[in-house]
Amino acid sequence: MKRHLVWLAAAGHMITDINLGAVAPLLPYFIAEYDLTYAAAAMFLSAASIASSVVQPLFGYFADRRSVSWLIPVGILLAGYGTAVSGVAPSYGLAILAISISGIGIAAFHPEAARLVHRSAGEKKGAAMSFFGVGGQVGFVLGPVIATVALAF
C-alpha cells in the first residue's frame, strides 16, 4: 500500500468535508446578514447538497474513463473558495452561488480521490477506503467547530 497517497487523500477528504460541515453553523450569520427567513436560510444547506450530489456522478463517470487527478486539488480549492466567499458575498443570491460552487468542488474531489485511494491501496483496499472515509467524517465534525470559531472573529 502506498500509505502516503492514502494519507494525502484522507487529509484532502477532511479538508473538503470541513466545508460541508461548516454550512449549518453559518446559518445564523446568513439569517442576520441577509435578513432571511428560516426557509430561505435552509436553501444554503440545499444548495450545498444539491450541487454536490447532482454533479458528482458526472465527475465519477469521467474518473472511471481516464485519470483526472487535477480534480483533487481543484475540488479542494473550489470547496474552500465557495465557503469563504459565501461569508463576504454582497447578496443572498451570490452567497447561495458561492455555497453551490463549494458543493461542486466537493463533488469534483470525491470520485477522483476515491479512485486514487483504490489504486494506492494494494491488497488493503478495505482498510484504505475506511481510512479515506474517516478523513471525511473528521472534516464533517471539524467543520462546525471551525465555522463557529471563525464567526467569533
Protein backbone atom coordinates (compact mmCIF):
# COMPACT_ATOMS: atom_id res chain seq x y z
CA MET A 1 0.00 0.00 0.00
CA LYS A 2 1.23 3.49 -0.84
CA ARG A 3 0.39 4.91 2.57
CA HIS A 4 1.48 8.45 1.80
CA LEU A 5 -1.07 8.71 -1.02
CA VAL A 6 -3.83 7.27 1.15
CA TRP A 7 -2.91 9.72 3.92
CA LEU A 8 -2.94 12.63 1.46
CA ALA A 9 -6.31 11.59 0.07
CA ALA A 10 -7.74 11.24 3.59
CA ALA A 11 -6.36 14.67 4.53
CA GLY A 12 -7.89 16.15 1.38
CA HIS A 13 -11.17 14.44 2.23
CA MET A 14 -11.04 16.02 5.68
CA ILE A 15 -10.34 19.48 4.27
CA THR A 16 -13.06 19.14 1.64
CA ASP A 17 -15.71 17.95 4.08
CA ILE A 18 -14.88 20.68 6.60
CA ASN A 19 -16.63 22.96 4.12
CA LEU A 20 -19.80 20.89 4.03
CA GLY A 21 -19.84 20.65 7.82
CA ALA A 22 -19.39 24.41 8.13
CA VAL A 23 -22.61 25.35 6.33
CA ALA A 24 -25.14 24.69 9.13
CA PRO A 25 -23.32 26.77 11.78
CA LEU A 26 -23.12 29.64 9.30
CA LEU A 27 -26.92 29.84 9.03
CA PRO A 28 -27.38 32.31 11.93
CA TYR A 29 -24.83 34.58 10.26
CA PHE A 30 -26.64 34.36 6.93
CA ILE A 31 -30.02 35.00 8.61
CA ALA A 32 -28.69 38.15 10.26
CA GLU A 33 -26.63 39.34 7.28
CA TYR A 34 -29.38 38.99 4.66
CA ASP A 35 -32.47 39.28 6.91
CA LEU A 36 -33.64 35.80 5.90
CA THR A 37 -36.50 33.60 6.97
CA TYR A 38 -35.53 30.16 8.23
CA ALA A 39 -36.81 28.67 4.97
CA ALA A 40 -34.60 30.98 2.91
CA ALA A 41 -31.63 30.17 5.14
CA ALA A 42 -32.25 26.45 4.67
CA MET A 43 -31.55 26.96 0.98
CA PHE A 44 -27.85 27.16 1.88
CA LEU A 45 -27.96 23.55 3.05
CA SER A 46 -29.97 22.55 0.00
CA ALA A 47 -27.61 24.37 -2.38
CA ALA A 48 -24.55 22.61 -0.96
CA SER A 49 -26.18 19.18 -1.04
CA ILE A 50 -27.83 19.55 -4.44
CA ALA A 51 -24.74 20.98 -6.12
CA SER A 52 -22.63 18.16 -4.72
CA SER A 53 -24.96 15.25 -5.33
CA VAL A 54 -26.26 16.20 -8.79
CA VAL A 55 -22.87 16.64 -10.46
CA GLN A 56 -20.83 14.07 -8.53
CA PRO A 57 -21.92 11.18 -10.79
CA LEU A 58 -20.62 13.15 -13.79
CA PHE A 59 -17.23 13.51 -12.14
CA GLY A 60 -17.36 9.79 -11.31
CA TYR A 61 -18.12 8.99 -14.94
CA PHE A 62 -15.02 10.87 -16.07
CA ALA A 63 -12.86 9.42 -13.29
CA ASP A 64 -13.80 5.92 -14.47
CA ARG A 65 -12.70 6.65 -18.03
CA ARG A 66 -9.42 8.49 -17.52
CA SER A 67 -7.25 9.92 -14.83
CA VAL A 68 -8.36 13.42 -13.98
CA SER A 69 -6.14 13.72 -10.93
CA TRP A 70 -6.08 17.51 -11.26
CA LEU A 71 -9.67 17.41 -9.93
CA ILE A 72 -8.34 16.53 -6.48
CA PRO A 73 -6.63 19.88 -5.78
CA VAL A 74 -9.17 21.83 -7.84
CA GLY A 75 -12.02 20.25 -5.86
CA ILE A 76 -10.38 21.13 -2.55
CA LEU A 77 -9.77 24.70 -3.70
CA LEU A 78 -13.32 25.17 -5.01
CA ALA A 79 -14.80 23.75 -1.81
CA GLY A 80 -12.83 26.18 0.33
CA TYR A 81 -13.24 29.11 -2.04
CA GLY A 82 -17.01 28.77 -2.20
CA THR A 83 -17.37 28.55 1.56
CA ALA A 84 -15.05 31.51 2.15
CA VAL A 85 -16.70 33.71 -0.47
CA SER A 86 -20.17 32.94 0.91
CA GLY A 87 -19.21 34.84 4.05
CA VAL A 88 -18.40 38.05 2.17
CA ALA A 89 -20.90 37.84 -0.68
CA PRO A 90 -22.79 41.11 -1.14
CA SER A 91 -26.16 39.42 -1.67
CA TYR A 92 -28.14 36.34 -0.76
CA GLY A 93 -28.10 35.07 -4.34
CA LEU A 94 -24.32 35.37 -4.62
CA ALA A 95 -23.88 33.66 -1.26
CA ILE A 96 -26.06 30.75 -2.49
CA LEU A 97 -23.97 30.64 -5.68
CA ALA A 98 -20.77 30.55 -3.61
CA ILE A 99 -22.07 27.66 -1.50
CA SER A 100 -23.08 25.89 -4.73
CA ILE A 101 -19.53 26.32 -6.05
CA SER A 102 -18.30 24.76 -2.83
CA GLY A 103 -20.65 21.82 -3.42
CA ILE A 104 -19.31 21.40 -6.96
CA GLY A 105 -15.78 21.34 -5.56
CA ILE A 106 -16.80 18.65 -3.09
CA ALA A 107 -18.35 16.68 -5.95
CA ALA A 108 -15.22 17.02 -8.09
CA PHE A 109 -12.93 15.82 -5.31
CA HIS A 110 -14.65 12.62 -4.17
CA PRO A 111 -14.63 10.30 -7.21
CA GLU A 112 -11.06 11.01 -8.26
CA ALA A 113 -9.75 10.84 -4.69
CA ALA A 114 -11.58 7.52 -4.15
CA ARG A 115 -10.00 6.27 -7.37
CA LEU A 116 -6.56 7.32 -6.10
CA VAL A 117 -7.11 5.50 -2.80
CA HIS A 118 -8.27 2.36 -4.60
CA ARG A 119 -5.21 2.37 -6.87
CA SER A 120 -2.85 3.11 -3.97
CA ALA A 121 -4.28 0.54 -1.56
CA GLY A 122 -2.66 -2.58 -2.95
CA GLU A 123 -4.04 -5.60 -1.10
CA LYS A 124 -5.57 -3.44 1.66
CA LYS A 125 -8.39 -1.80 -0.27
CA GLY A 126 -10.93 -2.05 2.54
CA ALA A 127 -8.59 -0.56 5.11
CA ALA A 128 -7.50 2.22 2.77
CA MET A 129 -11.07 3.17 1.83
CA SER A 130 -12.07 3.08 5.50
CA PHE A 131 -9.25 5.44 6.38
CA PHE A 132 -10.29 7.71 3.50
CA GLY A 133 -13.87 7.69 4.82
CA VAL A 134 -12.73 8.56 8.33
CA GLY A 135 -10.90 11.58 6.91
CA GLY A 136 -14.20 12.88 5.54
CA GLN A 137 -16.04 12.26 8.79
CA VAL A 138 -13.36 14.07 10.78
CA GLY A 139 -13.75 17.01 8.41
CA PHE A 140 -17.51 16.97 8.78
CA VAL A 141 -17.08 17.06 12.58
CA LEU A 142 -14.44 19.82 12.45
CA GLY A 143 -16.47 21.99 10.06
CA PRO A 144 -18.91 23.29 12.69
CA VAL A 145 -16.09 23.88 15.19
CA ILE A 146 -14.03 25.86 12.69
CA ALA A 147 -17.05 27.83 11.44
CA THR A 148 -18.09 28.71 14.99
CA VAL A 149 -14.59 29.92 15.85
CA ALA A 150 -14.38 31.88 12.59
CA LEU A 151 -17.71 33.59 13.30
CA ALA A 152 -16.40 34.70 16.69
CA PHE A 153 -13.80 36.85 14.92
